[in-house]
Amino acid sequence: MIIENEKGVTEAVLAASAGTESPRLRELMSALVRHLHAFVREARLSEEEFEVGIDFLNRIGQATNDRHNEGILFADILGLSTLVCMLNNGGAGATETAAALLGPFWRMNSPPTPNGGTIIRSATPGPALFAHFTISDPAGKPIEGVEVDVWQASPVGLYENQDASQADMNLRGKFTTDAQGRFWFRSVKPAGYPVPTHGPAGEVLRAQGRHPYRPAHLHVLGFREHYKTLITQIFVDDDKYLESDAVFGVTRHLVGQYEKGIGAAPDADVTGDWYRLNYAFVMEPGEAKLPIPPIK
């Protein structure tokens, strides 16, 4: 098709993709082209701005490595990750959901840990946390045999892959729910932290005058055949960044009650402050599928 005017560009691209064999790929690419072209027209994108944008996308890829996923981070700070999550969970977006974005720090092969065990694998100062969770189906029936990954940042706000002072897999563990759908463990109370700002995502935050902080939270991923994989976060209820999460991940349903313990802690070696967290998860019937790990 010979292009006669700017409107004809969009028409030509859509016509060229009309023969795409996969109906879903054809739908996705057509929508992408229409909206990208509409963005250029609405913004009256200059050639210089186009060049900056292409360079920006290239640098997102260049900033991604085995220990850091800049693409996921950029999608997070735009709210894109949360939007996709909410549209695909909790009644197809009709209701609030207990699902949350995966984030850029999940790793495969967390160490198997018995219920009641600890995910503290190297010296990690901070208030002790005793977490007790249940997983049931929508009818309230406990689900046995769910493999549950747990991971979190340390009280200084760093995941172990970011911090050479922490042991490999510190504050990570894999549990299995018992016949009552329960799993429980000891950790430390998580702290809020800034998302990495050394790459293009950080440039956007600074240009927009936004802070890079996430409220303190604990990550949970539940996997079992015949159930839709649960990916969620449980936020600390007194964190000052709950209302301004840099990646827009907080919903009211995900704010947990981290209750300060009174008296002696469950473990005799705890001498300072300690906290207790109880939370009930629901897993919906569906396809059991693990996400692609953002980092190795």
Protein backbone atom coordinates (compact mmCIF):
# COMPACT_ATOMS: atom_id res chain seq x y z
CA MET A 1 0.00 0.00 0.00
CA ILE A 2 1.40 3.38 -1.02
CA ILE A 3 1.09 5.90 1.84
CA GLU A 4 -0.89 8.99 0.81
CA ASN A 5 -1.04 10.78 4.21
CA GLU A 6 -0.40 10.28 7.94
CA LYS A 7 -3.76 8.54 8.43
CA GLY A 8 -2.75 6.03 5.80
CA VAL A 9 0.22 4.86 7.88
CA THR A 10 -2.04 3.31 10.50
CA GLU A 11 -4.30 1.77 7.90
CA ALA A 12 -1.33 0.25 6.08
CA VAL A 13 0.16 -1.30 9.22
CA LEU A 14 -3.18 -2.77 10.27
CA ALA A 15 -3.71 -4.19 6.78
CA ALA A 16 -0.25 -5.73 6.78
CA SER A 17 -0.95 -7.57 10.04
CA ALA A 18 -4.39 -8.80 8.99
CA GLY A 19 -2.98 -12.15 7.90
CA THR A 20 -1.50 -12.99 11.32
CA GLU A 21 -2.34 -16.65 11.90
CA SER A 22 -2.98 -16.42 15.64
CA PRO A 23 -6.28 -14.59 16.32
CA ARG A 24 -5.08 -13.40 19.72
CA LEU A 25 -1.75 -12.12 18.38
CA ARG A 26 -3.62 -10.35 15.59
CA GLU A 27 -5.93 -8.72 18.15
CA LEU A 28 -3.05 -7.66 20.40
CA MET A 29 -0.90 -6.23 17.62
CA SER A 30 -3.81 -4.36 16.06
CA ALA A 31 -4.70 -2.77 19.39
CA LEU A 32 -1.06 -1.92 20.04
CA VAL A 33 -0.66 -0.22 16.65
CA ARG A 34 -3.91 1.74 17.01
CA HIS A 35 -3.05 3.04 20.47
CA LEU A 36 0.62 3.75 19.72
CA HIS A 37 -0.31 5.71 16.63
CA ALA A 38 -3.06 7.54 18.54
CA PHE A 39 -0.53 8.46 21.24
CA VAL A 40 1.84 9.93 18.65
CA ARG A 41 -0.97 11.97 17.15
CA GLU A 42 -2.34 13.20 20.47
CA ALA A 43 1.10 14.15 21.81
CA ARG A 44 2.31 15.49 18.43
CA LEU A 45 5.52 13.57 19.07
CA SER A 46 8.58 15.31 17.62
CA GLU A 47 11.38 13.47 15.87
CA GLU A 48 13.76 14.35 18.71
CA GLU A 49 11.30 12.98 21.29
CA PHE A 50 10.90 9.81 19.24
CA GLU A 51 14.68 9.31 19.26
CA VAL A 52 14.82 9.85 23.02
CA GLY A 53 12.02 7.33 23.49
CA ILE A 54 13.76 4.66 21.41
CA ASP A 55 16.99 5.24 23.32
CA PHE A 56 15.04 4.95 26.58
CA LEU A 57 13.60 1.56 25.58
CA ASN A 58 17.07 0.37 24.54
CA ARG A 59 18.48 1.37 27.93
CA ILE A 60 15.75 -0.55 29.75
CA GLY A 61 17.06 -3.69 28.08
CA GLN A 62 20.67 -2.77 28.75
CA ALA A 63 19.91 -2.22 32.46
CA THR A 64 18.39 -5.72 32.81
CA ASN A 65 20.59 -8.58 34.01
CA ASP A 66 20.44 -11.79 36.06
CA ARG A 67 20.04 -9.79 39.29
CA HIS A 68 17.81 -6.94 38.13
CA ASN A 69 14.82 -6.63 35.76
CA GLU A 70 14.43 -3.02 34.65
CA GLY A 71 11.53 -3.88 32.32
CA ILE A 72 9.39 -5.16 35.18
CA LEU A 73 10.39 -2.17 37.31
CA PHE A 74 9.38 0.30 34.59
CA ALA A 75 6.02 -1.43 34.15
CA ASP A 76 5.59 -1.26 37.93
CA ILE A 77 6.19 2.49 38.29
CA LEU A 78 3.66 3.16 35.50
CA GLY A 79 1.00 1.14 37.33
CA LEU A 80 0.90 -1.23 34.37
CA SER A 81 1.77 -4.33 36.40
CA THR A 82 -0.96 -3.64 38.96
CA LEU A 83 -3.52 -2.90 36.25
CA VAL A 84 -2.83 -6.21 34.50
CA CYS A 85 -3.01 -8.01 37.85
CA MET A 86 -6.35 -6.49 38.83
CA LEU A 87 -7.91 -7.06 35.42
CA ASN A 88 -7.03 -10.74 35.59
CA ASN A 89 -8.00 -11.49 39.19
CA GLY A 90 -10.94 -10.95 41.51
CA GLY A 91 -13.86 -11.35 39.11
CA ALA A 92 -12.01 -10.07 36.04
CA GLY A 93 -11.40 -6.74 37.69
CA ALA A 94 -14.93 -6.31 39.01
CA THR A 95 -13.85 -6.54 42.66
CA GLU A 96 -10.81 -5.89 44.78
CA THR A 97 -8.44 -8.82 44.67
CA ALA A 98 -5.99 -10.46 47.03
CA ALA A 99 -3.60 -10.79 44.11
CA ALA A 100 -0.73 -8.35 43.70
CA LEU A 101 2.13 -7.73 41.31
CA LEU A 102 5.02 -10.21 41.35
CA GLY A 103 7.70 -7.53 41.56
CA PRO A 104 11.27 -7.78 40.28
CA PHE A 105 12.82 -9.90 43.07
CA TRP A 106 11.18 -13.34 42.99
CA ARG A 107 13.60 -16.25 42.52
CA MET A 108 12.94 -19.90 41.74
CA ASN A 109 14.12 -22.69 44.01
CA SER A 110 13.74 -21.07 47.41
CA PRO A 111 14.95 -23.43 50.17
CA PRO A 112 12.27 -25.91 51.35
CA THR A 113 11.46 -24.98 54.95
CA PRO A 114 9.29 -26.90 57.45
CA ASN A 115 6.27 -25.20 58.93
CA GLY A 116 7.34 -23.39 62.07
CA GLY A 117 10.86 -22.96 60.70
CA THR A 118 12.69 -19.74 60.00
CA ILE A 119 13.61 -17.97 56.76
CA ILE A 120 16.40 -16.06 58.53
CA ARG A 121 19.55 -17.59 57.05
CA SER A 122 22.15 -15.07 58.18
CA ALA A 123 22.39 -12.45 60.91
CA THR A 124 19.44 -10.11 60.28
CA PRO A 125 18.79 -7.65 63.10
CA GLY A 126 15.22 -6.48 63.53
CA PRO A 127 11.99 -7.26 65.41
CA ALA A 128 11.03 -10.93 65.15
CA LEU A 129 7.93 -11.74 63.09
CA PHE A 130 5.82 -14.86 63.64
CA ALA A 131 3.60 -15.29 60.59
CA HIS A 132 0.60 -17.66 60.47
CA PHE A 133 -1.35 -18.11 57.25
CA THR A 134 -4.18 -20.26 55.89
CA ILE A 135 -5.16 -20.99 52.30
CA SER A 136 -8.67 -22.12 51.37
CA ASP A 137 -10.83 -22.33 48.26
CA PRO A 138 -13.69 -19.86 47.59
CA ALA A 139 -16.07 -22.10 49.58
CA GLY A 140 -13.81 -21.94 52.63
CA LYS A 141 -12.39 -25.47 52.33
CA PRO A 142 -8.72 -25.67 53.37
CA ILE A 143 -6.32 -26.53 50.54
CA GLU A 144 -3.63 -29.02 51.48
CA GLY A 145 -0.36 -29.35 49.59
CA VAL A 146 0.02 -25.78 48.31
CA GLU A 147 3.68 -24.97 47.66
CA VAL A 148 4.17 -21.47 49.04
CA ASP A 149 7.13 -19.24 48.24
CA VAL A 150 7.79 -16.43 50.70
CA TRP A 151 10.32 -13.63 50.21
CA GLN A 152 10.95 -10.19 51.67
CA ALA A 153 13.44 -7.37 52.08
CA SER A 154 15.51 -7.15 55.24
CA PRO A 155 14.86 -4.45 57.87
CA VAL A 156 17.45 -2.28 56.07
CA GLY A 157 15.31 -2.42 52.94
CA LEU A 158 17.38 -4.75 50.75
CA TYR A 159 16.67 -8.17 49.25
CA GLU A 160 19.52 -10.62 49.66
CA ASN A 161 20.46 -10.46 45.97
CA GLN A 162 21.12 -6.73 46.47
CA ASP A 163 23.13 -7.08 49.66
CA ALA A 164 26.48 -8.88 49.89
CA SER A 165 26.21 -9.00 53.69
CA GLN A 166 23.22 -11.38 53.52
CA ALA A 167 23.51 -15.10 52.88
CA ASP A 168 22.16 -16.44 49.60
CA MET A 169 18.39 -17.01 49.92
CA ASN A 170 18.18 -15.10 53.19
CA LEU A 171 14.56 -14.21 53.98
CA ARG A 172 13.29 -16.64 51.36
CA GLY A 173 11.63 -19.99 51.89
CA LYS A 174 9.26 -22.56 50.40
CA PHE A 175 6.52 -24.05 52.58
CA THR A 176 3.76 -26.62 52.07
CA THR A 177 0.29 -26.20 53.56
CA ASP A 178 -0.93 -28.90 55.94
CA ALA A 179 -4.35 -30.62 56.02
CA GLN A 180 -5.88 -27.46 57.51
CA GLY A 181 -4.41 -25.30 54.75
CA ARG A 182 -1.93 -23.74 57.16
CA PHE A 183 1.69 -22.66 56.86
CA TRP A 184 3.67 -20.65 59.39
CA PHE A 185 7.20 -19.47 59.96
CA ARG A 186 9.51 -17.04 61.73
CA SER A 187 11.14 -14.05 60.07
CA VAL A 188 11.84 -10.40 60.87
CA LYS A 189 9.38 -7.56 60.42
CA PRO A 190 9.91 -6.23 56.88
CA ALA A 191 10.84 -2.63 56.18
CA GLY A 192 9.99 -0.30 53.34
CA TYR A 193 12.62 0.41 50.73
CA PRO A 194 13.31 2.43 47.59
CA VAL A 195 12.99 0.69 44.25
CA PRO A 196 16.28 0.72 42.26
CA THR A 197 16.78 4.15 40.71
CA HIS A 198 20.07 3.68 38.85
CA GLY A 199 18.37 3.07 35.49
CA PRO A 200 15.70 4.56 33.22
CA ALA A 201 12.88 3.93 35.72
CA GLY A 202 14.71 6.05 38.26
CA GLU A 203 15.08 8.83 35.70
CA VAL A 204 11.31 8.89 35.22
CA LEU A 205 10.65 9.04 38.97
CA ARG A 206 13.04 11.95 39.38
CA ALA A 207 11.67 13.79 36.35
CA GLN A 208 8.14 13.48 37.76
CA GLY A 209 9.15 14.56 41.26
CA ARG A 210 8.09 11.19 42.71
CA HIS A 211 9.71 9.35 45.60
CA PRO A 212 10.95 5.79 44.94
CA TYR A 213 9.68 4.12 48.13
CA ARG A 214 7.57 1.02 48.59
CA PRO A 215 5.75 0.38 51.88
CA ALA A 216 7.03 -2.58 53.89
CA HIS A 217 5.56 -5.91 52.76
CA LEU A 218 5.90 -9.66 52.65
CA HIS A 219 5.63 -11.50 49.31
CA VAL A 220 3.68 -14.77 48.98
CA LEU A 221 3.30 -17.06 45.93
CA GLY A 222 1.05 -20.14 46.24
CA PHE A 223 1.18 -22.95 43.67
CA ARG A 224 -0.93 -26.12 43.46
CA GLU A 225 -2.34 -28.13 40.57
CA HIS A 226 -5.93 -27.25 39.62
CA TYR A 227 -5.74 -23.81 41.25
CA LYS A 228 -4.84 -20.46 39.81
CA THR A 229 -1.43 -19.45 41.09
CA LEU A 230 -1.70 -16.93 43.92
CA ILE A 231 0.75 -14.02 43.77
CA THR A 232 0.32 -11.44 46.50
CA GLN A 233 1.88 -9.09 49.05
CA ILE A 234 0.90 -8.34 52.65
CA PHE A 235 1.69 -4.75 53.63
CA VAL A 236 2.61 -3.47 57.08
CA ASP A 237 -0.34 -1.49 58.36
CA ASP A 238 1.55 1.42 59.92
CA ASP A 239 3.90 2.16 57.02
CA LYS A 240 4.00 5.82 56.00
CA TYR A 241 4.12 4.97 52.29
CA LEU A 242 0.85 2.99 52.11
CA GLU A 243 -0.88 5.93 50.41
CA SER A 244 1.95 6.65 47.96
CA ASP A 245 3.48 3.31 46.92
CA ALA A 246 5.89 4.01 44.05
CA VAL A 247 4.49 1.04 42.09
CA PHE A 248 0.78 1.48 42.99
CA GLY A 249 0.54 -2.00 44.52
CA VAL A 250 -1.46 -1.36 47.71
CA THR A 251 -5.13 -2.29 47.96
CA ARG A 252 -7.01 -2.23 51.27
CA HIS A 253 -7.40 -6.00 51.19
CA LEU A 254 -3.62 -6.41 51.19
CA VAL A 255 -2.95 -4.37 54.33
CA GLY A 256 -2.18 -6.86 57.10
CA GLN A 257 -2.38 -6.46 60.84
CA TYR A 258 1.16 -6.70 62.14
CA GLU A 259 0.36 -6.87 65.86
CA LYS A 260 3.08 -6.04 68.34
CA GLY A 261 3.56 -8.92 70.73
CA ILE A 262 2.91 -8.62 74.45
CA GLY A 263 4.97 -10.56 76.93
CA ALA A 264 7.22 -13.46 76.03
CA ALA A 265 7.68 -14.30 72.35
CA PRO A 266 6.89 -17.81 71.05
CA ASP A 267 10.62 -18.51 70.76
CA ALA A 268 12.67 -18.18 73.94
CA ASP A 269 15.68 -16.63 72.17
CA VAL A 270 13.69 -13.49 71.22
CA THR A 271 14.52 -10.76 73.72
CA GLY A 272 13.40 -7.57 71.96
CA ASP A 273 10.22 -6.45 70.24
CA TRP A 274 8.31 -9.05 68.27
CA TYR A 275 5.24 -9.10 66.02
CA ARG A 276 2.54 -11.52 64.98
CA LEU A 277 0.83 -11.62 61.58
CA ASN A 278 -2.27 -13.71 60.76
CA TYR A 279 -3.79 -13.70 57.29
CA ALA A 280 -6.18 -15.91 55.29
CA PHE A 281 -5.69 -16.42 51.55
CA VAL A 282 -8.15 -17.75 48.97
CA MET A 283 -7.06 -19.63 45.85
CA GLU A 284 -9.47 -19.89 42.94
CA PRO A 285 -9.83 -23.01 40.76
CA GLY A 286 -7.91 -22.61 37.54
CA GLU A 287 -4.64 -23.25 35.78
CA ALA A 288 -1.54 -23.77 37.90
CA LYS A 289 1.22 -21.86 36.15
CA LEU A 290 4.39 -20.35 37.55
CA PRO A 291 5.51 -16.93 36.31
CA ILE A 292 8.86 -16.41 34.60
CA PRO A 293 11.37 -15.46 37.31
CA PRO A 294 12.39 -11.79 36.89
CA ILE A 295 15.88 -12.60 38.19
CA LYS A 296 18.04 -15.72 38.40
